[in-house]
Amino acid sequence: MTKVMLKGLAAAVMVAATAVACGGGSSTTPTSPTPPVTTTPPTPTTPTTPTGPNPTTATITIGTDGRVTPASVTIAPGGRVTMINNHNQPHDMSSDPHPEHSQCPEINQIGFLTAGQSRTSGNFNTARTCGFHDHNLPDNAGLQGRIIIQ
């Protein structure tokens, strides 16, 4: 009988040793799993429009009286100007001086406007003053003006 008891005792010791080795007898409390670390990509920056005292766009209208209004506009560098022809006749808007039209080529992109038509200049990237006129009526003061880029 001693042999049977010794075998039983040996089996009990083995079970106890196995339980301790597997952590069954540990007194520490289990922890919850750590969530994975995620990184948020940086948000893209929104393009901004130039800030400053001057707008980036302006509109000049050739009125029903055949005169430009306003005769002078000021825009920020990089800005553009739209000309609208509300006169009952066509006008060919060009950069000064006449007839070279070389002072501000951006104006020459407006060019010939039929009655009711509008067109926008190129970007004025350099700070300066640009004169303009109707190519076909270069001496008509009502169709002359200036664009100031600053």
Protein backbone atom coordinates (compact mmCIF):
# COMPACT_ATOMS: atom_id res chain seq x y z
CA MET A 1 0.00 0.00 0.00
CA THR A 2 2.89 2.29 0.59
CA LYS A 3 3.78 1.89 -3.03
CA VAL A 4 0.33 2.99 -4.11
CA MET A 5 0.47 6.01 -1.82
CA LEU A 6 3.85 6.97 -3.06
CA LYS A 7 2.66 6.75 -6.65
CA GLY A 8 -0.41 8.87 -5.78
CA LEU A 9 1.75 11.38 -3.97
CA ALA A 10 4.17 11.52 -6.91
CA ALA A 11 1.26 12.07 -9.30
CA ALA A 12 -0.08 14.89 -7.11
CA VAL A 13 3.34 16.56 -7.00
CA MET A 14 3.58 16.33 -10.79
CA VAL A 15 0.16 17.94 -11.27
CA ALA A 16 1.07 20.72 -8.82
CA ALA A 17 4.40 21.33 -10.54
CA THR A 18 2.77 21.46 -13.94
CA ALA A 19 0.15 23.93 -12.71
CA VAL A 20 2.80 26.25 -11.27
CA ALA A 21 4.92 26.05 -14.42
CA CYS A 22 1.95 26.99 -16.60
CA GLY A 23 1.04 29.94 -14.47
CA GLY A 24 -1.91 28.34 -12.80
CA GLY A 25 -0.59 29.21 -9.36
CA SER A 26 0.39 32.79 -10.19
CA SER A 27 -1.10 35.52 -8.07
CA THR A 28 -0.75 38.34 -10.63
CA THR A 29 -3.89 39.58 -12.33
CA PRO A 30 -4.07 39.29 -16.08
CA THR A 31 -3.81 42.52 -18.08
CA SER A 32 -5.85 43.39 -21.11
CA PRO A 33 -4.02 43.47 -24.41
CA THR A 34 -2.40 46.77 -25.38
CA PRO A 35 -4.10 48.30 -28.41
CA PRO A 36 -1.85 48.74 -31.45
CA VAL A 37 -0.29 52.16 -31.88
CA THR A 38 -1.68 53.99 -34.86
CA THR A 39 -0.33 57.14 -36.40
CA THR A 40 -2.49 59.66 -38.11
CA PRO A 41 -1.03 61.04 -41.33
CA PRO A 42 -0.66 64.80 -41.33
CA THR A 43 -3.59 66.61 -42.84
CA PRO A 44 -2.80 68.36 -46.10
CA THR A 45 -2.75 72.10 -45.89
CA THR A 46 -5.40 73.97 -47.79
CA PRO A 47 -4.01 76.32 -50.41
CA THR A 48 -4.48 79.88 -49.38
CA THR A 49 -5.22 82.84 -51.49
CA PRO A 50 -2.80 85.71 -51.19
CA THR A 51 -3.67 87.89 -48.29
CA GLY A 52 -2.96 91.55 -48.39
CA PRO A 53 -4.57 94.85 -49.01
CA ASN A 54 -5.36 94.21 -52.69
CA PRO A 55 -7.73 91.69 -54.27
CA THR A 56 -6.50 89.08 -56.73
CA THR A 57 -9.22 89.82 -59.25
CA ALA A 58 -10.87 92.90 -60.67
CA THR A 59 -13.51 93.61 -63.30
CA ILE A 60 -13.55 96.47 -65.76
CA THR A 61 -16.73 97.09 -67.72
CA ILE A 62 -17.11 98.90 -71.02
CA GLY A 63 -20.49 100.48 -70.39
CA THR A 64 -23.35 101.19 -72.76
CA ASP A 65 -21.84 104.70 -73.09
CA GLY A 66 -18.60 103.22 -74.51
CA ARG A 67 -16.47 104.15 -71.48
CA VAL A 68 -14.45 101.86 -69.17
CA THR A 69 -15.51 101.74 -65.53
CA PRO A 70 -13.53 101.86 -63.37
CA ALA A 71 -10.71 103.40 -65.38
CA SER A 72 -8.18 102.24 -62.78
CA VAL A 73 -8.03 99.04 -60.71
CA THR A 74 -5.47 97.74 -58.22
CA ILE A 75 -4.76 94.04 -57.79
CA ALA A 76 -2.23 91.89 -55.96
CA PRO A 77 0.63 90.21 -57.84
CA GLY A 78 -0.61 87.03 -59.50
CA GLY A 79 -4.05 88.56 -60.00
CA ARG A 80 -6.14 88.78 -63.14
CA VAL A 81 -8.57 91.28 -64.66
CA THR A 82 -11.81 90.52 -66.47
CA MET A 83 -13.15 92.97 -69.04
CA ILE A 84 -16.82 92.95 -69.98
CA ASN A 85 -18.11 94.70 -73.10
CA ASN A 86 -21.63 96.01 -72.46
CA HIS A 87 -21.34 98.49 -75.34
CA ASN A 88 -23.20 97.85 -78.59
CA GLN A 89 -19.91 97.94 -80.53
CA PRO A 90 -16.86 95.66 -80.46
CA HIS A 91 -13.63 96.79 -78.79
CA ASP A 92 -10.07 95.49 -79.14
CA MET A 93 -8.50 95.97 -75.70
CA SER A 94 -4.71 96.09 -75.72
CA SER A 95 -1.75 97.03 -73.56
CA ASP A 96 -0.02 100.39 -73.90
CA PRO A 97 1.85 101.77 -75.79
CA HIS A 98 0.01 101.87 -79.07
CA PRO A 99 0.69 100.21 -81.52
CA GLU A 100 3.34 97.95 -79.93
CA HIS A 101 1.17 96.78 -77.00
CA SER A 102 4.30 95.62 -75.18
CA GLN A 103 3.97 97.19 -71.72
CA CYS A 104 1.85 94.40 -70.19
CA PRO A 105 1.24 91.48 -72.54
CA GLU A 106 -1.21 89.96 -70.02
CA ILE A 107 -3.77 92.55 -71.18
CA ASN A 108 -3.41 91.46 -74.80
CA GLN A 109 -5.03 88.13 -73.87
CA ILE A 110 -8.30 90.03 -73.54
CA GLY A 111 -8.12 91.31 -77.12
CA PHE A 112 -11.22 91.64 -79.29
CA LEU A 113 -14.55 91.72 -77.45
CA THR A 114 -17.85 91.70 -79.30
CA ALA A 115 -20.91 93.30 -77.72
CA GLY A 116 -21.89 91.31 -74.61
CA GLN A 117 -18.63 89.34 -74.47
CA SER A 118 -16.12 89.14 -71.59
CA ARG A 119 -12.60 87.77 -71.28
CA THR A 120 -9.98 87.51 -68.55
CA SER A 121 -6.35 88.61 -68.76
CA GLY A 122 -3.33 86.53 -67.98
CA ASN A 123 -1.81 86.64 -64.48
CA PHE A 124 -0.06 89.89 -63.61
CA ASN A 125 2.95 88.55 -61.69
CA THR A 126 5.17 91.63 -61.62
CA ALA A 127 4.40 94.72 -59.54
CA ARG A 128 3.97 97.65 -61.95
CA THR A 129 1.37 99.88 -63.58
CA CYS A 130 -0.10 98.77 -66.91
CA GLY A 131 -1.93 101.11 -69.22
CA PHE A 132 -4.56 99.86 -71.68
CA HIS A 133 -6.66 101.21 -74.54
CA ASP A 134 -8.86 100.15 -77.45
CA HIS A 135 -6.47 99.34 -80.29
CA ASN A 136 -8.91 100.70 -82.89
CA LEU A 137 -9.59 103.90 -80.91
CA PRO A 138 -6.24 104.57 -79.18
CA ASP A 139 -6.96 108.28 -78.59
CA ASN A 140 -10.42 107.76 -77.04
CA ALA A 141 -9.85 108.67 -73.37
CA GLY A 142 -13.08 106.88 -72.38
CA LEU A 143 -11.52 103.57 -73.45
CA GLN A 144 -8.20 104.10 -71.68
CA GLY A 145 -7.26 102.99 -68.20
CA ARG A 146 -4.68 101.40 -65.98
CA ILE A 147 -4.13 98.30 -63.94
CA ILE A 148 -1.93 98.71 -60.88
CA ILE A 149 -0.23 95.57 -59.59
CA GLN A 150 1.06 95.93 -56.02
